[in-house]
Amino acid sequence: GTAKFRSRRHDPQYPMTKMSAKLHPPCTKYPEDGALVGTDAIFSSKNVIPPPNIQPETPIPLPPKDDGIPAPSIYFDDRGEIHNVRIHRNNQRISILYTKKGYLRSGDMHPNEQCDFIFSGRVNIWTLSKDGLTNVNTYGRHEFVKIPRGVPHVFEFLEDSVIAEWWEPRGFQCWFYRPYREIVDASFRGLRGPSNGDAGGEDNGDENNYEQGYHRGLVVLTPASSGKCNQSWFHAVLLVAGAAVIGLSGFSLGRRYR
């Protein structure tokens, strides 16, 4: 269907950066892709890079297969962190992202709907429109965003930000949109070439693509470490409960002898 976005281009308080300006007319226009936005045909565009396990002529799976990103896990690089967690009741994976001001993420699209909730910060979201131009909309704290399937997008962080994102129906696979992804890649410090992967929260990258000095990694939280976390939480709950009991007892005694 047709993607619907806010009519405003951007928040005047946050003027477009040099990076986002590169995608605005007359510099960049992809009318042949714009006409395909939101349809299955966009996934076969010459500007689209499919996941490694999917050939360009392969039918788009829906719901998509999960990409195998372990959860719980934490991916980190110079831009921030991506915490991948899984809700066991319906096996839904949710990613919590912390990203520093000035960095970009994404440059891709998905065969399902992407949902984002912004806990803190401010972000420009670029989306390819039907006319082949790029819409830039600004979102902030406590705002909820939905990006329809088959819509290429970029997240440009105007402030240090924390967001949650997930996909409906559940499952995560991404097709990189080359014109956007190259800009995201070029924003990395010490970049050598385009990324070949994703960390489940839109960005990972191939470690061979980065110069020495670019810090990145993936920490998989094992059952043993999860157990330690659970013990820590259990002890924390006991501590808070104990403090509450002591506090209520003192309050009751104080009222009795006031």
C-alpha atoms as a PDB file:
ATOM      1  CA  GLY A   1       0.000   0.000   0.000  1.00  0.00           C
ATOM      2  CA  THR A   2       0.892   3.646  -0.056  1.00  0.00           C
ATOM      3  CA  ALA A   3       3.222   4.802   2.701  1.00  0.00           C
ATOM      4  CA  LYS A   4       1.840   7.684   4.738  1.00  0.00           C
ATOM      5  CA  PHE A   5       4.192  10.014   6.602  1.00  0.00           C
ATOM      6  CA  ARG A   6       4.035  13.375   8.288  1.00  0.00           C
ATOM      7  CA  SER A   7       3.681  16.251   5.900  1.00  0.00           C
ATOM      8  CA  ARG A   8       6.427  18.318   7.508  1.00  0.00           C
ATOM      9  CA  ARG A   9       9.877  17.815   6.071  1.00  0.00           C
ATOM     10  CA  HIS A  10      11.848  18.457   9.239  1.00  0.00           C
ATOM     11  CA  ASP A  11      11.826  20.251  12.574  1.00  0.00           C
ATOM     12  CA  PRO A  12      13.153  23.821  12.074  1.00  0.00           C
ATOM     13  CA  GLN A  13      14.904  23.524  15.442  1.00  0.00           C
ATOM     14  CA  TYR A  14      17.146  20.903  13.839  1.00  0.00           C
ATOM     15  CA  PRO A  15      18.126  22.114  10.351  1.00  0.00           C
ATOM     16  CA  MET A  16      19.081  19.469   7.834  1.00  0.00           C
ATOM     17  CA  THR A  17      22.675  18.342   8.118  1.00  0.00           C
ATOM     18  CA  LYS A  18      25.054  18.113   5.186  1.00  0.00           C
ATOM     19  CA  MET A  19      24.409  14.370   5.211  1.00  0.00           C
ATOM     20  CA  SER A  20      20.628  14.630   4.858  1.00  0.00           C
ATOM     21  CA  ALA A  21      20.921  17.481   2.370  1.00  0.00           C
ATOM     22  CA  LYS A  22      22.743  15.139  -0.009  1.00  0.00           C
ATOM     23  CA  LEU A  23      19.516  13.247  -0.532  1.00  0.00           C
ATOM     24  CA  HIS A  24      17.344  16.234  -1.329  1.00  0.00           C
ATOM     25  CA  PRO A  25      16.557  17.506  -4.817  1.00  0.00           C
ATOM     26  CA  PRO A  26      18.136  18.151  -7.148  1.00  0.00           C
ATOM     27  CA  CYS A  27      21.091  16.094  -5.888  1.00  0.00           C
ATOM     28  CA  THR A  28      19.432  12.695  -5.639  1.00  0.00           C
ATOM     29  CA  LYS A  29      16.318  11.300  -7.246  1.00  0.00           C
ATOM     30  CA  TYR A  30      15.352   7.690  -7.982  1.00  0.00           C
ATOM     31  CA  PRO A  31      11.949   7.837  -9.724  1.00  0.00           C
ATOM     32  CA  GLU A  32      12.257   4.239 -10.928  1.00  0.00           C
ATOM     33  CA  ASP A  33      12.516   3.072  -7.302  1.00  0.00           C
ATOM     34  CA  GLY A  34       9.977   5.563  -5.984  1.00  0.00           C
ATOM     35  CA  ALA A  35       7.320   4.035  -8.209  1.00  0.00           C
ATOM     36  CA  LEU A  36       8.000   0.666  -6.554  1.00  0.00           C
ATOM     37  CA  VAL A  37       7.980   1.823  -2.915  1.00  0.00           C
ATOM     38  CA  GLY A  38       5.772  -0.347  -0.722  1.00  0.00           C
ATOM     39  CA  THR A  39       5.457  -3.145  -3.310  1.00  0.00           C
ATOM     40  CA  ASP A  40       7.187  -6.505  -3.773  1.00  0.00           C
ATOM     41  CA  ALA A  41       8.854  -5.129  -6.907  1.00  0.00           C
ATOM     42  CA  ILE A  42      11.102  -2.780  -4.871  1.00  0.00           C
ATOM     43  CA  PHE A  43      12.980  -5.811  -3.529  1.00  0.00           C
ATOM     44  CA  SER A  44      14.147  -6.643  -7.082  1.00  0.00           C
ATOM     45  CA  SER A  45      15.470  -3.140  -7.848  1.00  0.00           C
ATOM     46  CA  LYS A  46      19.047  -2.944  -9.143  1.00  0.00           C
ATOM     47  CA  ASN A  47      19.713  -0.583  -6.212  1.00  0.00           C
ATOM     48  CA  VAL A  48      18.753  -3.213  -3.629  1.00  0.00           C
ATOM     49  CA  ILE A  49      21.136  -5.730  -2.011  1.00  0.00           C
ATOM     50  CA  PRO A  50      19.291  -8.836  -0.724  1.00  0.00           C
ATOM     51  CA  PRO A  51      20.322 -10.793   2.386  1.00  0.00           C
ATOM     52  CA  PRO A  52      23.155 -13.284   1.772  1.00  0.00           C
ATOM     53  CA  ASN A  53      20.814 -16.285   1.841  1.00  0.00           C
ATOM     54  CA  ILE A  54      18.280 -14.873  -0.644  1.00  0.00           C
ATOM     55  CA  GLN A  55      18.685 -14.583  -4.400  1.00  0.00           C
ATOM     56  CA  PRO A  56      17.209 -11.532  -6.193  1.00  0.00           C
ATOM     57  CA  GLU A  57      14.609 -13.712  -7.964  1.00  0.00           C
ATOM     58  CA  THR A  58      13.526 -15.480  -4.745  1.00  0.00           C
ATOM     59  CA  PRO A  59       9.947 -14.671  -3.640  1.00  0.00           C
ATOM     60  CA  ILE A  60       9.860 -12.387  -0.608  1.00  0.00           C
ATOM     61  CA  PRO A  61       9.060 -14.475   2.485  1.00  0.00           C
ATOM     62  CA  LEU A  62       6.268 -13.234   4.750  1.00  0.00           C
ATOM     63  CA  PRO A  63       6.518 -13.543   7.602  1.00  0.00           C
ATOM     64  CA  PRO A  64      10.258 -13.259   7.027  1.00  0.00           C
ATOM     65  CA  LYS A  65      12.707 -15.763   8.399  1.00  0.00           C
ATOM     66  CA  ASP A  66      14.685 -14.690  11.421  1.00  0.00           C
ATOM     67  CA  ASP A  67      18.259 -13.734  10.597  1.00  0.00           C
ATOM     68  CA  GLY A  68      19.767 -15.818  13.376  1.00  0.00           C
ATOM     69  CA  ILE A  69      20.947 -12.889  15.501  1.00  0.00           C
ATOM     70  CA  PRO A  70      21.361 -14.376  18.999  1.00  0.00           C
ATOM     71  CA  ALA A  71      19.154 -13.042  21.755  1.00  0.00           C
ATOM     72  CA  PRO A  72      19.861 -11.988  24.379  1.00  0.00           C
ATOM     73  CA  SER A  73      22.955 -10.276  22.999  1.00  0.00           C
ATOM     74  CA  ILE A  74      24.613  -6.868  22.890  1.00  0.00           C
ATOM     75  CA  TYR A  75      26.243  -5.434  19.766  1.00  0.00           C
ATOM     76  CA  PHE A  76      28.441  -2.366  20.187  1.00  0.00           C
ATOM     77  CA  ASP A  77      30.490  -0.065  17.996  1.00  0.00           C
ATOM     78  CA  ASP A  78      31.573   3.571  17.988  1.00  0.00           C
ATOM     79  CA  ARG A  79      27.983   4.704  17.432  1.00  0.00           C
ATOM     80  CA  GLY A  80      26.566   3.053  20.546  1.00  0.00           C
ATOM     81  CA  GLU A  81      24.918  -0.250  21.479  1.00  0.00           C
ATOM     82  CA  ILE A  82      22.145  -2.560  20.303  1.00  0.00           C
ATOM     83  CA  HIS A  83      20.578  -4.823  22.947  1.00  0.00           C
ATOM     84  CA  ASN A  84      18.700  -7.752  21.394  1.00  0.00           C
ATOM     85  CA  VAL A  85      16.115  -9.433  23.616  1.00  0.00           C
ATOM     86  CA  ARG A  86      13.444 -12.032  22.923  1.00  0.00           C
ATOM     87  CA  ILE A  87       9.915 -12.224  24.319  1.00  0.00           C
ATOM     88  CA  HIS A  88       9.486 -15.952  24.828  1.00  0.00           C
ATOM     89  CA  ARG A  89       5.699 -16.064  24.840  1.00  0.00           C
ATOM     90  CA  ASN A  90       5.492 -15.286  21.113  1.00  0.00           C
ATOM     91  CA  ASN A  91       9.222 -15.510  20.287  1.00  0.00           C
ATOM     92  CA  GLN A  92       9.228 -11.823  19.299  1.00  0.00           C
ATOM     93  CA  ARG A  93      12.664 -10.202  19.201  1.00  0.00           C
ATOM     94  CA  ILE A  94      12.951  -6.553  20.237  1.00  0.00           C
ATOM     95  CA  SER A  95      16.035  -4.392  19.848  1.00  0.00           C
ATOM     96  CA  ILE A  96      16.888  -1.511  22.195  1.00  0.00           C
ATOM     97  CA  LEU A  97      19.319   0.905  20.558  1.00  0.00           C
ATOM     98  CA  TYR A  98      21.472   3.600  22.103  1.00  0.00           C
ATOM     99  CA  THR A  99      23.015   5.857  19.448  1.00  0.00           C
ATOM    100  CA  LYS A 100      25.215   8.904  19.858  1.00  0.00           C
ATOM    101  CA  LYS A 101      24.422  12.250  18.286  1.00  0.00           C
ATOM    102  CA  GLY A 102      25.548  12.696  14.694  1.00  0.00           C
ATOM    103  CA  TYR A 103      25.541   9.041  13.630  1.00  0.00           C
ATOM    104  CA  LEU A 104      23.396   7.234  11.051  1.00  0.00           C
ATOM    105  CA  ARG A 105      21.847   3.770  11.050  1.00  0.00           C
ATOM    106  CA  SER A 106      19.813   1.602   8.675  1.00  0.00           C
ATOM    107  CA  GLY A 107      19.866   2.341   4.940  1.00  0.00           C
ATOM    108  CA  ASP A 108      17.644  -0.680   4.346  1.00  0.00           C
ATOM    109  CA  MET A 109      14.057  -1.924   4.122  1.00  0.00           C
ATOM    110  CA  HIS A 110      12.102  -4.944   5.302  1.00  0.00           C
ATOM    111  CA  PRO A 111       9.361  -7.280   4.020  1.00  0.00           C
ATOM    112  CA  ASN A 112       7.323  -6.519   7.129  1.00  0.00           C
ATOM    113  CA  GLU A 113       6.357  -3.407   9.054  1.00  0.00           C
ATOM    114  CA  GLN A 114       8.994  -1.809  11.295  1.00  0.00           C
ATOM    115  CA  CYS A 115       7.857  -0.272  14.580  1.00  0.00           C
ATOM    116  CA  ASP A 116       9.954   2.193  16.585  1.00  0.00           C
ATOM    117  CA  PHE A 117       9.375   3.892  19.926  1.00  0.00           C
ATOM    118  CA  ILE A 118      11.670   6.736  20.985  1.00  0.00           C
ATOM    119  CA  PHE A 119      12.378   6.742  24.710  1.00  0.00           C
ATOM    120  CA  SER A 120      14.724   9.736  24.590  1.00  0.00           C
ATOM    121  CA  GLY A 121      16.552  11.905  22.087  1.00  0.00           C
ATOM    122  CA  ARG A 122      15.612  13.151  18.648  1.00  0.00           C
ATOM    123  CA  VAL A 123      15.991  11.584  15.211  1.00  0.00           C
ATOM    124  CA  ASN A 124      15.442  12.416  11.559  1.00  0.00           C
ATOM    125  CA  ILE A 125      13.928   9.500   9.663  1.00  0.00           C
ATOM    126  CA  TRP A 126      14.529   9.536   5.912  1.00  0.00           C
ATOM    127  CA  THR A 127      12.132   7.562   3.730  1.00  0.00           C
ATOM    128  CA  LEU A 128      12.016   7.097  -0.019  1.00  0.00           C
ATOM    129  CA  SER A 129       8.780   8.551  -1.381  1.00  0.00           C
ATOM    130  CA  LYS A 130       6.686   7.649  -4.412  1.00  0.00           C
ATOM    131  CA  ASP A 131       8.241  10.439  -6.481  1.00  0.00           C
ATOM    132  CA  GLY A 132      11.748   9.066  -5.881  1.00  0.00           C
ATOM    133  CA  LEU A 133      12.732  11.879  -3.524  1.00  0.00           C
ATOM    134  CA  THR A 134      13.565  11.559   0.164  1.00  0.00           C
ATOM    135  CA  ASN A 135      11.174  12.669   2.891  1.00  0.00           C
ATOM    136  CA  VAL A 136      12.832  13.734   6.161  1.00  0.00           C
ATOM    137  CA  ASN A 137      10.629  13.774   9.266  1.00  0.00           C
ATOM    138  CA  THR A 138      11.754  14.578  12.796  1.00  0.00           C
ATOM    139  CA  TYR A 139      10.626  12.537  15.800  1.00  0.00           C
ATOM    140  CA  GLY A 140      11.369  12.940  19.487  1.00  0.00           C
ATOM    141  CA  ARG A 141      10.821  11.610  22.973  1.00  0.00           C
ATOM    142  CA  HIS A 142       7.790   9.346  23.503  1.00  0.00           C
ATOM    143  CA  GLU A 143       6.840   9.257  19.810  1.00  0.00           C
ATOM    144  CA  PHE A 144       5.886   6.068  18.001  1.00  0.00           C
ATOM    145  CA  VAL A 145       6.779   5.467  14.344  1.00  0.00           C
ATOM    146  CA  LYS A 146       5.717   2.802  11.853  1.00  0.00           C
ATOM    147  CA  ILE A 147       7.611   2.265   8.602  1.00  0.00           C
ATOM    148  CA  PRO A 148       5.635   0.189   6.082  1.00  0.00           C
ATOM    149  CA  ARG A 149       7.136  -2.841   4.332  1.00  0.00           C
ATOM    150  CA  GLY A 150       9.243  -2.144   1.286  1.00  0.00           C
ATOM    151  CA  VAL A 151      10.095   1.455   2.234  1.00  0.00           C
ATOM    152  CA  PRO A 152      13.846   2.278   2.257  1.00  0.00           C
ATOM    153  CA  HIS A 153      14.802   4.329   5.311  1.00  0.00           C
ATOM    154  CA  VAL A 154      17.668   5.917   7.265  1.00  0.00           C
ATOM    155  CA  PHE A 155      17.840   7.017  10.914  1.00  0.00           C
ATOM    156  CA  GLU A 156      19.864  10.202  11.473  1.00  0.00           C
ATOM    157  CA  PHE A 157      20.380  10.878  15.175  1.00  0.00           C
ATOM    158  CA  LEU A 158      20.188  14.562  16.116  1.00  0.00           C
ATOM    159  CA  GLU A 159      20.774  13.858  19.812  1.00  0.00           C
ATOM    160  CA  ASP A 160      22.006  10.963  21.904  1.00  0.00           C
ATOM    161  CA  SER A 161      18.972   8.688  21.619  1.00  0.00           C
ATOM    162  CA  VAL A 162      17.450   5.494  23.005  1.00  0.00           C
ATOM    163  CA  ILE A 163      14.847   3.747  20.868  1.00  0.00           C
ATOM    164  CA  ALA A 164      13.141   0.352  20.747  1.00  0.00           C
ATOM    165  CA  GLU A 165      12.304  -1.359  17.486  1.00  0.00           C
ATOM    166  CA  TRP A 166      10.566  -4.528  16.385  1.00  0.00           C
ATOM    167  CA  TRP A 167       8.888  -5.931  13.293  1.00  0.00           C
ATOM    168  CA  GLU A 168       5.323  -7.059  12.587  1.00  0.00           C
ATOM    169  CA  PRO A 169       4.632  -9.799  11.748  1.00  0.00           C
ATOM    170  CA  ARG A 170       7.625 -11.031  13.752  1.00  0.00           C
ATOM    171  CA  GLY A 171      10.844 -11.972  12.012  1.00  0.00           C
ATOM    172  CA  PHE A 172      13.758  -9.861  10.848  1.00  0.00           C
ATOM    173  CA  GLN A 173      15.478  -9.664   7.485  1.00  0.00           C
ATOM    174  CA  CYS A 174      16.793  -6.576   5.734  1.00  0.00           C
ATOM    175  CA  TRP A 175      17.433  -5.654   2.131  1.00  0.00           C
ATOM    176  CA  PHE A 176      19.991  -2.843   1.847  1.00  0.00           C
ATOM    177  CA  TYR A 177      19.003   0.087  -0.360  1.00  0.00           C
ATOM    178  CA  ARG A 178      22.339   0.930  -1.947  1.00  0.00           C
ATOM    179  CA  PRO A 179      21.945   4.747  -2.350  1.00  0.00           C
ATOM    180  CA  TYR A 180      21.063   5.080   1.354  1.00  0.00           C
ATOM    181  CA  ARG A 181      23.365   2.410   2.708  1.00  0.00           C
ATOM    182  CA  GLU A 182      26.405   3.941   1.038  1.00  0.00           C
ATOM    183  CA  ILE A 183      25.718   7.196   2.875  1.00  0.00           C
ATOM    184  CA  VAL A 184      25.309   5.331   6.170  1.00  0.00           C
ATOM    185  CA  ASP A 185      28.539   3.431   5.527  1.00  0.00           C
ATOM    186  CA  ALA A 186      30.386   6.612   4.589  1.00  0.00           C
ATOM    187  CA  SER A 187      29.422   8.140   7.912  1.00  0.00           C
ATOM    188  CA  PHE A 188      31.384   5.464   9.798  1.00  0.00           C
ATOM    189  CA  ARG A 189      34.814   6.508  10.938  1.00  0.00           C
ATOM    190  CA  GLY A 190      37.581   4.532   9.269  1.00  0.00           C
ATOM    191  CA  LEU A 191      35.263   2.913   6.741  1.00  0.00           C
ATOM    192  CA  ARG A 192      36.840   0.809   3.995  1.00  0.00           C
ATOM    193  CA  GLY A 193      33.799  -0.478   2.150  1.00  0.00           C
ATOM    194  CA  PRO A 194      30.053  -1.197   2.327  1.00  0.00           C
ATOM    195  CA  SER A 195      28.660  -3.327   5.139  1.00  0.00           C
ATOM    196  CA  ASN A 196      27.558  -6.889   4.538  1.00  0.00           C
ATOM    197  CA  GLY A 197      25.564  -7.632   7.685  1.00  0.00           C
ATOM    198  CA  ASP A 198      23.254  -6.431  10.354  1.00  0.00           C
ATOM    199  CA  ALA A 199      23.051  -6.787  14.118  1.00  0.00           C
ATOM    200  CA  GLY A 200      19.318  -7.145  14.329  1.00  0.00           C
ATOM    201  CA  GLY A 201      18.797  -3.530  15.287  1.00  0.00           C
ATOM    202  CA  GLU A 202      19.574  -2.337  11.776  1.00  0.00           C
ATOM    203  CA  ASP A 203      23.373  -2.290  11.867  1.00  0.00           C
ATOM    204  CA  ASN A 204      26.343  -4.559  12.274  1.00  0.00           C
ATOM    205  CA  GLY A 205      28.763  -4.490   9.368  1.00  0.00           C
ATOM    206  CA  ASP A 206      31.582  -6.771   8.342  1.00  0.00           C
ATOM    207  CA  GLU A 207      34.596  -6.522  10.622  1.00  0.00           C
ATOM    208  CA  ASN A 208      36.878  -6.660   7.581  1.00  0.00           C
ATOM    209  CA  ASN A 209      35.459  -3.347   6.411  1.00  0.00           C
ATOM    210  CA  TYR A 210      36.830  -1.254   9.237  1.00  0.00           C
ATOM    211  CA  GLU A 211      40.209   0.276   9.903  1.00  0.00           C
ATOM    212  CA  GLN A 212      42.080  -0.573  13.058  1.00  0.00           C
ATOM    213  CA  GLY A 213      40.816   1.674  15.815  1.00  0.00           C
ATOM    214  CA  TYR A 214      37.123   1.231  14.975  1.00  0.00           C
ATOM    215  CA  HIS A 215      35.710  -0.547  18.026  1.00  0.00           C
ATOM    216  CA  ARG A 216      32.980  -3.110  17.501  1.00  0.00           C
ATOM    217  CA  GLY A 217      31.847  -6.450  18.885  1.00  0.00           C
ATOM    218  CA  LEU A 218      28.970  -8.771  19.727  1.00  0.00           C
ATOM    219  CA  VAL A 219      28.471 -10.122  23.236  1.00  0.00           C
ATOM    220  CA  VAL A 220      26.167 -13.132  23.449  1.00  0.00           C
ATOM    221  CA  LEU A 221      24.598 -13.469  26.884  1.00  0.00           C
ATOM    222  CA  THR A 222      24.853 -17.152  27.800  1.00  0.00           C
ATOM    223  CA  PRO A 223      22.478 -19.021  30.127  1.00  0.00           C
ATOM    224  CA  ALA A 224      25.167 -18.847  32.824  1.00  0.00           C
ATOM    225  CA  SER A 225      25.457 -15.075  32.564  1.00  0.00           C
ATOM    226  CA  SER A 226      21.671 -14.801  32.382  1.00  0.00           C
ATOM    227  CA  GLY A 227      21.493 -16.787  35.608  1.00  0.00           C
ATOM    228  CA  LYS A 228      23.873 -14.359  37.248  1.00  0.00           C
ATOM    229  CA  CYS A 229      21.701 -11.507  36.034  1.00  0.00           C
ATOM    230  CA  ASN A 230      18.622 -13.202  37.442  1.00  0.00           C
ATOM    231  CA  GLN A 231      20.377 -13.697  40.779  1.00  0.00           C
ATOM    232  CA  SER A 232      21.393 -10.041  40.787  1.00  0.00           C
ATOM    233  CA  TRP A 233      17.830  -8.967  40.077  1.00  0.00           C
ATOM    234  CA  PHE A 234      16.551 -11.333  42.774  1.00  0.00           C
ATOM    235  CA  HIS A 235      18.959  -9.874  45.312  1.00  0.00           C
ATOM    236  CA  ALA A 236      18.030  -6.370  44.232  1.00  0.00           C
ATOM    237  CA  VAL A 237      14.326  -7.137  44.691  1.00  0.00           C
ATOM    238  CA  LEU A 238      15.014  -8.581  48.162  1.00  0.00           C
ATOM    239  CA  LEU A 239      17.013  -5.467  49.065  1.00  0.00           C
ATOM    240  CA  VAL A 240      14.258  -3.094  47.899  1.00  0.00           C
ATOM    241  CA  ALA A 241      11.570  -5.193  49.623  1.00  0.00           C
ATOM    242  CA  GLY A 242      13.596  -5.230  52.837  1.00  0.00           C
ATOM    243  CA  ALA A 243      14.095  -1.488  52.714  1.00  0.00           C
ATOM    244  CA  ALA A 244      10.364  -1.002  52.130  1.00  0.00           C
ATOM    245  CA  VAL A 245       9.466  -3.192  55.130  1.00  0.00           C
ATOM    246  CA  ILE A 246      11.912  -1.341  57.375  1.00  0.00           C
ATOM    247  CA  GLY A 247      10.633   1.994  56.123  1.00  0.00           C
ATOM    248  CA  LEU A 248       6.981   1.083  56.716  1.00  0.00           C
ATOM    249  CA  SER A 249       7.808  -0.272  60.173  1.00  0.00           C
ATOM    250  CA  GLY A 250       9.572   2.957  61.099  1.00  0.00           C
ATOM    251  CA  PHE A 251       6.681   4.995  59.735  1.00  0.00           C
ATOM    252  CA  SER A 252       4.148   2.967  61.777  1.00  0.00           C
ATOM    253  CA  LEU A 253       6.220   3.287  64.959  1.00  0.00           C
ATOM    254  CA  GLY A 254       6.652   6.975  64.374  1.00  0.00           C
ATOM    255  CA  ARG A 255       2.896   7.481  64.019  1.00  0.00           C
ATOM    256  CA  ARG A 256       2.252   5.359  67.144  1.00  0.00           C
ATOM    257  CA  TYR A 257       4.597   7.382  69.341  1.00  0.00           C
ATOM    258  CA  ARG A 258       4.063  10.809  67.770  1.00  0.00           C
END
